[in-house]
Amino acid sequence: DAATGDLLASGVLDRVQPPPAVLAISR
């Protein structure tokens, strides 16, 4: 929950055009 809140508040996902950002899970 802390990491997700911090990530959403950072705005880094909002920079992706077109939204939503596509995320792959690594190791």
mmCIF file of all heavy atoms, coordinates in Angstrom:
data_MODEL
# 
_entry.id   MODEL 
# 
loop_
_atom_site.group_PDB 
_atom_site.id 
_atom_site.type_symbol 
_atom_site.label_atom_id 
_atom_site.label_alt_id 
_atom_site.label_comp_id 
_atom_site.label_asym_id 
_atom_site.label_entity_id 
_atom_site.label_seq_id 
_atom_site.pdbx_PDB_ins_code 
_atom_site.Cartn_x 
_atom_site.Cartn_y 
_atom_site.Cartn_z 
_atom_site.occupancy 
_atom_site.B_iso_or_equiv 
_atom_site.pdbx_formal_charge 
_atom_site.auth_seq_id 
_atom_site.auth_comp_id 
_atom_site.auth_asym_id 
_atom_site.auth_atom_id 
_atom_site.pdbx_PDB_model_num 
ATOM 1   N N   . ASP A 1 1  ? 0.825  -1.207  0.000   1.00 0.00 ? 1  ASP A N   1 
ATOM 2   C CA  . ASP A 1 1  ? 0.000  0.000   0.000   1.00 0.00 ? 1  ASP A CA  1 
ATOM 3   C C   . ASP A 1 1  ? 0.864  1.263   0.000   1.00 0.00 ? 1  ASP A C   1 
ATOM 4   O O   . ASP A 1 1  ? 0.563  2.223   -0.708  1.00 0.00 ? 1  ASP A O   1 
ATOM 5   C CB  . ASP A 1 1  ? -0.953 0.005   1.194   1.00 0.00 ? 1  ASP A CB  1 
ATOM 6   C CG  . ASP A 1 1  ? -2.015 -1.088  1.101   1.00 0.00 ? 1  ASP A CG  1 
ATOM 7   O OD1 . ASP A 1 1  ? -2.156 -1.714  0.028   1.00 0.00 ? 1  ASP A OD1 1 
ATOM 8   O OD2 . ASP A 1 1  ? -2.705 -1.322  2.118   1.00 0.00 ? 1  ASP A OD2 1 
ATOM 9   N N   . ALA A 1 2  ? 1.951  1.253   0.771   1.00 0.00 ? 2  ALA A N   1 
ATOM 10  C CA  . ALA A 1 2  ? 2.846  2.415   0.807   1.00 0.00 ? 2  ALA A CA  1 
ATOM 11  C C   . ALA A 1 2  ? 3.517  2.623   -0.543  1.00 0.00 ? 2  ALA A C   1 
ATOM 12  O O   . ALA A 1 2  ? 3.585  3.752   -1.050  1.00 0.00 ? 2  ALA A O   1 
ATOM 13  C CB  . ALA A 1 2  ? 3.905  2.238   1.898   1.00 0.00 ? 2  ALA A CB  1 
ATOM 14  N N   . ALA A 1 3  ? 3.994  1.547   -1.154  1.00 0.00 ? 3  ALA A N   1 
ATOM 15  C CA  . ALA A 1 3  ? 4.661  1.654   -2.451  1.00 0.00 ? 3  ALA A CA  1 
ATOM 16  C C   . ALA A 1 3  ? 3.691  2.116   -3.533  1.00 0.00 ? 3  ALA A C   1 
ATOM 17  O O   . ALA A 1 3  ? 4.022  2.987   -4.344  1.00 0.00 ? 3  ALA A O   1 
ATOM 18  C CB  . ALA A 1 3  ? 5.293  0.315   -2.835  1.00 0.00 ? 3  ALA A CB  1 
ATOM 19  N N   . THR A 1 4  ? 2.495  1.567   -3.533  1.00 0.00 ? 4  THR A N   1 
ATOM 20  C CA  . THR A 1 4  ? 1.504  1.940   -4.545  1.00 0.00 ? 4  THR A CA  1 
ATOM 21  C C   . THR A 1 4  ? 1.116  3.410   -4.410  1.00 0.00 ? 4  THR A C   1 
ATOM 22  O O   . THR A 1 4  ? 1.048  4.132   -5.404  1.00 0.00 ? 4  THR A O   1 
ATOM 23  C CB  . THR A 1 4  ? 0.250  1.055   -4.435  1.00 0.00 ? 4  THR A CB  1 
ATOM 24  O OG1 . THR A 1 4  ? 0.643  -0.309  -4.567  1.00 0.00 ? 4  THR A OG1 1 
ATOM 25  C CG2 . THR A 1 4  ? -0.753 1.391   -5.518  1.00 0.00 ? 4  THR A CG2 1 
ATOM 26  N N   . GLY A 1 5  ? 0.870  3.845   -3.189  1.00 0.00 ? 5  GLY A N   1 
ATOM 27  C CA  . GLY A 1 5  ? 0.530  5.255   -2.961  1.00 0.00 ? 5  GLY A CA  1 
ATOM 28  C C   . GLY A 1 5  ? 1.637  6.183   -3.418  1.00 0.00 ? 5  GLY A C   1 
ATOM 29  O O   . GLY A 1 5  ? 1.385  7.208   -4.060  1.00 0.00 ? 5  GLY A O   1 
ATOM 30  N N   . ASP A 1 6  ? 2.874  5.814   -3.107  1.00 0.00 ? 6  ASP A N   1 
ATOM 31  C CA  . ASP A 1 6  ? 4.028  6.618   -3.513  1.00 0.00 ? 6  ASP A CA  1 
ATOM 32  C C   . ASP A 1 6  ? 4.182  6.644   -5.033  1.00 0.00 ? 6  ASP A C   1 
ATOM 33  O O   . ASP A 1 6  ? 4.439  7.695   -5.622  1.00 0.00 ? 6  ASP A O   1 
ATOM 34  C CB  . ASP A 1 6  ? 5.294  6.065   -2.850  1.00 0.00 ? 6  ASP A CB  1 
ATOM 35  C CG  . ASP A 1 6  ? 6.497  6.941   -3.108  1.00 0.00 ? 6  ASP A CG  1 
ATOM 36  O OD1 . ASP A 1 6  ? 6.421  8.161   -2.859  1.00 0.00 ? 6  ASP A OD1 1 
ATOM 37  O OD2 . ASP A 1 6  ? 7.528  6.399   -3.573  1.00 0.00 ? 6  ASP A OD2 1 
ATOM 38  N N   . LEU A 1 7  ? 4.004  5.487   -5.671  1.00 0.00 ? 7  LEU A N   1 
ATOM 39  C CA  . LEU A 1 7  ? 4.127  5.419   -7.132  1.00 0.00 ? 7  LEU A CA  1 
ATOM 40  C C   . LEU A 1 7  ? 3.048  6.261   -7.815  1.00 0.00 ? 7  LEU A C   1 
ATOM 41  O O   . LEU A 1 7  ? 3.339  7.034   -8.732  1.00 0.00 ? 7  LEU A O   1 
ATOM 42  C CB  . LEU A 1 7  ? 4.046  3.969   -7.607  1.00 0.00 ? 7  LEU A CB  1 
ATOM 43  C CG  . LEU A 1 7  ? 4.069  3.731   -9.123  1.00 0.00 ? 7  LEU A CG  1 
ATOM 44  C CD1 . LEU A 1 7  ? 5.311  4.343   -9.764  1.00 0.00 ? 7  LEU A CD1 1 
ATOM 45  C CD2 . LEU A 1 7  ? 3.987  2.244   -9.419  1.00 0.00 ? 7  LEU A CD2 1 
ATOM 46  N N   . LEU A 1 8  ? 1.822  6.166   -7.365  1.00 0.00 ? 8  LEU A N   1 
ATOM 47  C CA  . LEU A 1 8  ? 0.735  6.951   -7.964  1.00 0.00 ? 8  LEU A CA  1 
ATOM 48  C C   . LEU A 1 8  ? 0.944  8.448   -7.738  1.00 0.00 ? 8  LEU A C   1 
ATOM 49  O O   . LEU A 1 8  ? 0.690  9.256   -8.633  1.00 0.00 ? 8  LEU A O   1 
ATOM 50  C CB  . LEU A 1 8  ? -0.616 6.503   -7.414  1.00 0.00 ? 8  LEU A CB  1 
ATOM 51  C CG  . LEU A 1 8  ? -1.070 5.103   -7.851  1.00 0.00 ? 8  LEU A CG  1 
ATOM 52  C CD1 . LEU A 1 8  ? -2.308 4.671   -7.087  1.00 0.00 ? 8  LEU A CD1 1 
ATOM 53  C CD2 . LEU A 1 8  ? -1.311 5.065   -9.355  1.00 0.00 ? 8  LEU A CD2 1 
ATOM 54  N N   . ALA A 1 9  ? 1.447  8.807   -6.568  1.00 0.00 ? 9  ALA A N   1 
ATOM 55  C CA  . ALA A 1 9  ? 1.672  10.226  -6.263  1.00 0.00 ? 9  ALA A CA  1 
ATOM 56  C C   . ALA A 1 9  ? 2.860  10.803  -7.032  1.00 0.00 ? 9  ALA A C   1 
ATOM 57  O O   . ALA A 1 9  ? 2.911  12.018  -7.265  1.00 0.00 ? 9  ALA A O   1 
ATOM 58  C CB  . ALA A 1 9  ? 1.905  10.402  -4.761  1.00 0.00 ? 9  ALA A CB  1 
ATOM 59  N N   . SER A 1 10 ? 3.781  9.956   -7.468  1.00 0.00 ? 10 SER A N   1 
ATOM 60  C CA  . SER A 1 10 ? 4.974  10.437  -8.177  1.00 0.00 ? 10 SER A CA  1 
ATOM 61  C C   . SER A 1 10 ? 4.652  11.037  -9.535  1.00 0.00 ? 10 SER A C   1 
ATOM 62  O O   . SER A 1 10 ? 5.415  11.846  -10.050 1.00 0.00 ? 10 SER A O   1 
ATOM 63  C CB  . SER A 1 10 ? 5.990  9.300   -8.343  1.00 0.00 ? 10 SER A CB  1 
ATOM 64  O OG  . SER A 1 10 ? 5.570  8.402   -9.369  1.00 0.00 ? 10 SER A OG  1 
ATOM 65  N N   . GLY A 1 11 ? 3.561  10.610  -10.155 1.00 0.00 ? 11 GLY A N   1 
ATOM 66  C CA  . GLY A 1 11 ? 3.178  11.116  -11.468 1.00 0.00 ? 11 GLY A CA  1 
ATOM 67  C C   . GLY A 1 11 ? 3.893  10.446  -12.631 1.00 0.00 ? 11 GLY A C   1 
ATOM 68  O O   . GLY A 1 11 ? 3.612  10.762  -13.784 1.00 0.00 ? 11 GLY A O   1 
ATOM 69  N N   . VAL A 1 12 ? 4.793  9.517   -12.367 1.00 0.00 ? 12 VAL A N   1 
ATOM 70  C CA  . VAL A 1 12 ? 5.552  8.889   -13.443 1.00 0.00 ? 12 VAL A CA  1 
ATOM 71  C C   . VAL A 1 12 ? 4.645  8.113   -14.404 1.00 0.00 ? 12 VAL A C   1 
ATOM 72  O O   . VAL A 1 12 ? 4.902  8.087   -15.608 1.00 0.00 ? 12 VAL A O   1 
ATOM 73  C CB  . VAL A 1 12 ? 6.699  8.007   -12.882 1.00 0.00 ? 12 VAL A CB  1 
ATOM 74  C CG1 . VAL A 1 12 ? 6.186  6.748   -12.234 1.00 0.00 ? 12 VAL A CG1 1 
ATOM 75  C CG2 . VAL A 1 12 ? 7.710  7.666   -13.951 1.00 0.00 ? 12 VAL A CG2 1 
ATOM 76  N N   . LEU A 1 13 ? 3.578  7.523   -13.911 1.00 0.00 ? 13 LEU A N   1 
ATOM 77  C CA  . LEU A 1 13 ? 2.663  6.774   -14.775 1.00 0.00 ? 13 LEU A CA  1 
ATOM 78  C C   . LEU A 1 13 ? 1.839  7.692   -15.668 1.00 0.00 ? 13 LEU A C   1 
ATOM 79  O O   . LEU A 1 13 ? 1.378  7.283   -16.741 1.00 0.00 ? 13 LEU A O   1 
ATOM 80  C CB  . LEU A 1 13 ? 1.739  5.895   -13.924 1.00 0.00 ? 13 LEU A CB  1 
ATOM 81  C CG  . LEU A 1 13 ? 2.420  4.834   -13.061 1.00 0.00 ? 13 LEU A CG  1 
ATOM 82  C CD1 . LEU A 1 13 ? 1.397  4.132   -12.175 1.00 0.00 ? 13 LEU A CD1 1 
ATOM 83  C CD2 . LEU A 1 13 ? 3.176  3.834   -13.920 1.00 0.00 ? 13 LEU A CD2 1 
ATOM 84  N N   . ASP A 1 14 ? 1.666  8.948   -15.250 1.00 0.00 ? 14 ASP A N   1 
ATOM 85  C CA  . ASP A 1 14 ? 0.870  9.909   -16.017 1.00 0.00 ? 14 ASP A CA  1 
ATOM 86  C C   . ASP A 1 14 ? 1.599  10.406  -17.264 1.00 0.00 ? 14 ASP A C   1 
ATOM 87  O O   . ASP A 1 14 ? 0.984  11.016  -18.134 1.00 0.00 ? 14 ASP A O   1 
ATOM 88  C CB  . ASP A 1 14 ? 0.507  11.112  -15.135 1.00 0.00 ? 14 ASP A CB  1 
ATOM 89  C CG  . ASP A 1 14 ? -0.352 10.703  -13.948 1.00 0.00 ? 14 ASP A CG  1 
ATOM 90  O OD1 . ASP A 1 14 ? -1.217 9.819   -14.119 1.00 0.00 ? 14 ASP A OD1 1 
ATOM 91  O OD2 . ASP A 1 14 ? -0.149 11.262  -12.856 1.00 0.00 ? 14 ASP A OD2 1 
ATOM 92  N N   . ARG A 1 15 ? 2.894  10.172  -17.352 1.00 0.00 ? 15 ARG A N   1 
ATOM 93  C CA  . ARG A 1 15 ? 3.684  10.659  -18.491 1.00 0.00 ? 15 ARG A CA  1 
ATOM 94  C C   . ARG A 1 15 ? 3.522  9.799   -19.740 1.00 0.00 ? 15 ARG A C   1 
ATOM 95  O O   . ARG A 1 15 ? 3.966  10.194  -20.814 1.00 0.00 ? 15 ARG A O   1 
ATOM 96  C CB  . ARG A 1 15 ? 5.162  10.699  -18.108 1.00 0.00 ? 15 ARG A CB  1 
ATOM 97  C CG  . ARG A 1 15 ? 5.453  11.627  -16.958 1.00 0.00 ? 15 ARG A CG  1 
ATOM 98  C CD  . ARG A 1 15 ? 6.930  11.621  -16.611 1.00 0.00 ? 15 ARG A CD  1 
ATOM 99  N NE  . ARG A 1 15 ? 7.111  12.094  -15.254 1.00 0.00 ? 15 ARG A NE  1 
ATOM 100 C CZ  . ARG A 1 15 ? 8.091  11.731  -14.457 1.00 0.00 ? 15 ARG A CZ  1 
ATOM 101 N NH1 . ARG A 1 15 ? 9.007  10.883  -14.877 1.00 0.00 ? 15 ARG A NH1 1 
ATOM 102 N NH2 . ARG A 1 15 ? 8.171  12.204  -13.230 1.00 0.00 ? 15 ARG A NH2 1 
ATOM 103 N N   . VAL A 1 16 ? 2.915  8.627   -19.597 1.00 0.00 ? 16 VAL A N   1 
ATOM 104 C CA  . VAL A 1 16 ? 2.781  7.703   -20.723 1.00 0.00 ? 16 VAL A CA  1 
ATOM 105 C C   . VAL A 1 16 ? 1.608  8.127   -21.597 1.00 0.00 ? 16 VAL A C   1 
ATOM 106 O O   . VAL A 1 16 ? 0.502  8.353   -21.113 1.00 0.00 ? 16 VAL A O   1 
ATOM 107 C CB  . VAL A 1 16 ? 2.583  6.259   -20.220 1.00 0.00 ? 16 VAL A CB  1 
ATOM 108 C CG1 . VAL A 1 16 ? 2.291  5.316   -21.365 1.00 0.00 ? 16 VAL A CG1 1 
ATOM 109 C CG2 . VAL A 1 16 ? 3.805  5.802   -19.441 1.00 0.00 ? 16 VAL A CG2 1 
ATOM 110 N N   . GLN A 1 17 ? 1.865  8.232   -22.887 1.00 0.00 ? 17 GLN A N   1 
ATOM 111 C CA  . GLN A 1 17 ? 0.820  8.555   -23.853 1.00 0.00 ? 17 GLN A CA  1 
ATOM 112 C C   . GLN A 1 17 ? 0.784  7.489   -24.933 1.00 0.00 ? 17 GLN A C   1 
ATOM 113 O O   . GLN A 1 17 ? 1.819  7.178   -25.496 1.00 0.00 ? 17 GLN A O   1 
ATOM 114 C CB  . GLN A 1 17 ? 1.071  9.932   -24.480 1.00 0.00 ? 17 GLN A CB  1 
ATOM 115 C CG  . GLN A 1 17 ? 0.970  11.084  -23.511 1.00 0.00 ? 17 GLN A CG  1 
ATOM 116 C CD  . GLN A 1 17 ? -0.391 11.159  -22.849 1.00 0.00 ? 17 GLN A CD  1 
ATOM 117 O OE1 . GLN A 1 17 ? -1.420 10.912  -23.469 1.00 0.00 ? 17 GLN A OE1 1 
ATOM 118 N NE2 . GLN A 1 17 ? -0.401 11.485  -21.563 1.00 0.00 ? 17 GLN A NE2 1 
ATOM 119 N N   . PRO A 1 18 ? -0.321 6.906   -25.258 1.00 0.00 ? 18 PRO A N   1 
ATOM 120 C CA  . PRO A 1 18 ? -1.628 7.062   -24.613 1.00 0.00 ? 18 PRO A CA  1 
ATOM 121 C C   . PRO A 1 18 ? -1.684 6.260   -23.319 1.00 0.00 ? 18 PRO A C   1 
ATOM 122 O O   . PRO A 1 18 ? -1.033 5.229   -23.203 1.00 0.00 ? 18 PRO A O   1 
ATOM 123 C CB  . PRO A 1 18 ? -2.592 6.488   -25.646 1.00 0.00 ? 18 PRO A CB  1 
ATOM 124 C CG  . PRO A 1 18 ? -1.812 5.431   -26.348 1.00 0.00 ? 18 PRO A CG  1 
ATOM 125 C CD  . PRO A 1 18 ? -0.397 5.949   -26.377 1.00 0.00 ? 18 PRO A CD  1 
ATOM 126 N N   . PRO A 1 19 ? -2.449 6.773   -22.351 1.00 0.00 ? 19 PRO A N   1 
ATOM 127 C CA  . PRO A 1 19 ? -2.614 6.018   -21.107 1.00 0.00 ? 19 PRO A CA  1 
ATOM 128 C C   . PRO A 1 19 ? -3.519 4.807   -21.342 1.00 0.00 ? 19 PRO A C   1 
ATOM 129 O O   . PRO A 1 19 ? -4.235 4.772   -22.339 1.00 0.00 ? 19 PRO A O   1 
ATOM 130 C CB  . PRO A 1 19 ? -3.255 7.038   -20.166 1.00 0.00 ? 19 PRO A CB  1 
ATOM 131 C CG  . PRO A 1 19 ? -3.871 8.057   -21.037 1.00 0.00 ? 19 PRO A CG  1 
ATOM 132 C CD  . PRO A 1 19 ? -3.144 8.044   -22.347 1.00 0.00 ? 19 PRO A CD  1 
ATOM 133 N N   . PRO A 1 20 ? -3.542 3.858   -20.474 1.00 0.00 ? 20 PRO A N   1 
ATOM 134 C CA  . PRO A 1 20 ? -2.750 3.703   -19.266 1.00 0.00 ? 20 PRO A CA  1 
ATOM 135 C C   . PRO A 1 20 ? -1.366 3.136   -19.575 1.00 0.00 ? 20 PRO A C   1 
ATOM 136 O O   . PRO A 1 20 ? -1.139 2.569   -20.646 1.00 0.00 ? 20 PRO A O   1 
ATOM 137 C CB  . PRO A 1 20 ? -3.567 2.712   -18.433 1.00 0.00 ? 20 PRO A CB  1 
ATOM 138 C CG  . PRO A 1 20 ? -4.246 1.849   -19.446 1.00 0.00 ? 20 PRO A CG  1 
ATOM 139 C CD  . PRO A 1 20 ? -4.542 2.766   -20.615 1.00 0.00 ? 20 PRO A CD  1 
ATOM 140 N N   . ALA A 1 21 ? -0.467 3.299   -18.630 1.00 0.00 ? 21 ALA A N   1 
ATOM 141 C CA  . ALA A 1 21 ? 0.873  2.736   -18.771 1.00 0.00 ? 21 ALA A CA  1 
ATOM 142 C C   . ALA A 1 21 ? 0.793  1.212   -18.729 1.00 0.00 ? 21 ALA A C   1 
ATOM 143 O O   . ALA A 1 21 ? -0.038 0.653   -18.029 1.00 0.00 ? 21 ALA A O   1 
ATOM 144 C CB  . ALA A 1 21 ? 1.759  3.239   -17.641 1.00 0.00 ? 21 ALA A CB  1 
ATOM 145 N N   . VAL A 1 22 ? 1.660  0.573   -19.509 1.00 0.00 ? 22 VAL A N   1 
ATOM 146 C CA  . VAL A 1 22 ? 1.733  -0.895  -19.508 1.00 0.00 ? 22 VAL A CA  1 
ATOM 147 C C   . VAL A 1 22 ? 2.938  -1.302  -18.670 1.00 0.00 ? 22 VAL A C   1 
ATOM 148 O O   . VAL A 1 22 ? 4.058  -0.849  -18.903 1.00 0.00 ? 22 VAL A O   1 
ATOM 149 C CB  . VAL A 1 22 ? 1.847  -1.460  -20.943 1.00 0.00 ? 22 VAL A CB  1 
ATOM 150 C CG1 . VAL A 1 22 ? 1.988  -2.974  -20.903 1.00 0.00 ? 22 VAL A CG1 1 
ATOM 151 C CG2 . VAL A 1 22 ? 0.645  -1.039  -21.785 1.00 0.00 ? 22 VAL A CG2 1 
ATOM 152 N N   . LEU A 1 23 ? 2.680  -2.159  -17.697 1.00 0.00 ? 23 LEU A N   1 
ATOM 153 C CA  . LEU A 1 23 ? 3.683  -2.574  -16.734 1.00 0.00 ? 23 LEU A CA  1 
ATOM 154 C C   . LEU A 1 23 ? 3.936  -4.075  -16.870 1.00 0.00 ? 23 LEU A C   1 
ATOM 155 O O   . LEU A 1 23 ? 3.000  -4.858  -16.973 1.00 0.00 ? 23 LEU A O   1 
ATOM 156 C CB  . LEU A 1 23 ? 3.154  -2.263  -15.335 1.00 0.00 ? 23 LEU A CB  1 
ATOM 157 C CG  . LEU A 1 23 ? 3.992  -2.564  -14.126 1.00 0.00 ? 23 LEU A CG  1 
ATOM 158 C CD1 . LEU A 1 23 ? 5.187  -1.620  -14.083 1.00 0.00 ? 23 LEU A CD1 1 
ATOM 159 C CD2 . LEU A 1 23 ? 3.149  -2.381  -12.872 1.00 0.00 ? 23 LEU A CD2 1 
ATOM 160 N N   . ALA A 1 24 ? 5.205  -4.458  -16.892 1.00 0.00 ? 24 ALA A N   1 
ATOM 161 C CA  . ALA A 1 24 ? 5.575  -5.873  -16.853 1.00 0.00 ? 24 ALA A CA  1 
ATOM 162 C C   . ALA A 1 24 ? 6.265  -6.131  -15.514 1.00 0.00 ? 24 ALA A C   1 
ATOM 163 O O   . ALA A 1 24 ? 6.980  -5.272  -14.994 1.00 0.00 ? 24 ALA A O   1 
ATOM 164 C CB  . ALA A 1 24 ? 6.514  -6.225  -18.006 1.00 0.00 ? 24 ALA A CB  1 
ATOM 165 N N   . ILE A 1 25 ? 6.045  -7.292  -14.964 1.00 0.00 ? 25 ILE A N   1 
ATOM 166 C CA  . ILE A 1 25 ? 6.646  -7.646  -13.683 1.00 0.00 ? 25 ILE A CA  1 
ATOM 167 C C   . ILE A 1 25 ? 7.959  -8.373  -13.946 1.00 0.00 ? 25 ILE A C   1 
ATOM 168 O O   . ILE A 1 25 ? 8.006  -9.370  -14.665 1.00 0.00 ? 25 ILE A O   1 
ATOM 169 C CB  . ILE A 1 25 ? 5.703  -8.536  -12.842 1.00 0.00 ? 25 ILE A CB  1 
ATOM 170 C CG1 . ILE A 1 25 ? 4.358  -7.842  -12.639 1.00 0.00 ? 25 ILE A CG1 1 
ATOM 171 C CG2 . ILE A 1 25 ? 6.346  -8.900  -11.512 1.00 0.00 ? 25 ILE A CG2 1 
ATOM 172 C CD1 . ILE A 1 25 ? 4.420  -6.491  -11.962 1.00 0.00 ? 25 ILE A CD1 1 
ATOM 173 N N   . SER A 1 26 ? 9.017  -7.851  -13.358 1.00 0.00 ? 26 SER A N   1 
ATOM 174 C CA  . SER A 1 26 ? 10.340 -8.450  -13.493 1.00 0.00 ? 26 SER A CA  1 
ATOM 175 C C   . SER A 1 26 ? 10.630 -9.304  -12.257 1.00 0.00 ? 26 SER A C   1 
ATOM 176 O O   . SER A 1 26 ? 9.713  -9.738  -11.564 1.00 0.00 ? 26 SER A O   1 
ATOM 177 C CB  . SER A 1 26 ? 11.387 -7.350  -13.680 1.00 0.00 ? 26 SER A CB  1 
ATOM 178 O OG  . SER A 1 26 ? 12.648 -7.908  -13.980 1.00 0.00 ? 26 SER A OG  1 
ATOM 179 N N   . ARG A 1 27 ? 11.871 -9.458  -11.951 1.00 0.00 ? 27 ARG A N   1 
ATOM 180 C CA  . ARG A 1 27 ? 12.288 -10.329 -10.857 1.00 0.00 ? 27 ARG A CA  1 
ATOM 181 C C   . ARG A 1 27 ? 12.071 -9.669  -9.489  1.00 0.00 ? 27 ARG A C   1 
ATOM 182 O O   . ARG A 1 27 ? 12.371 -8.503  -9.295  1.00 0.00 ? 27 ARG A O   1 
ATOM 183 C CB  . ARG A 1 27 ? 13.755 -10.681 -11.015 1.00 0.00 ? 27 ARG A CB  1 
ATOM 184 C CG  . ARG A 1 27 ? 14.260 -11.617 -9.957  1.00 0.00 ? 27 ARG A CG  1 
ATOM 185 C CD  . ARG A 1 27 ? 15.721 -11.914 -10.067 1.00 0.00 ? 27 ARG A CD  1 
ATOM 186 N NE  . ARG A 1 27 ? 16.260 -11.526 -11.339 1.00 0.00 ? 27 ARG A NE  1 
ATOM 187 C CZ  . ARG A 1 27 ? 17.286 -12.082 -11.930 1.00 0.00 ? 27 ARG A CZ  1 
ATOM 188 N NH1 . ARG A 1 27 ? 17.911 -13.060 -11.346 1.00 0.00 ? 27 ARG A NH1 1 
ATOM 189 N NH2 . ARG A 1 27 ? 17.726 -11.653 -13.079 1.00 0.00 ? 27 ARG A NH2 1 
# 
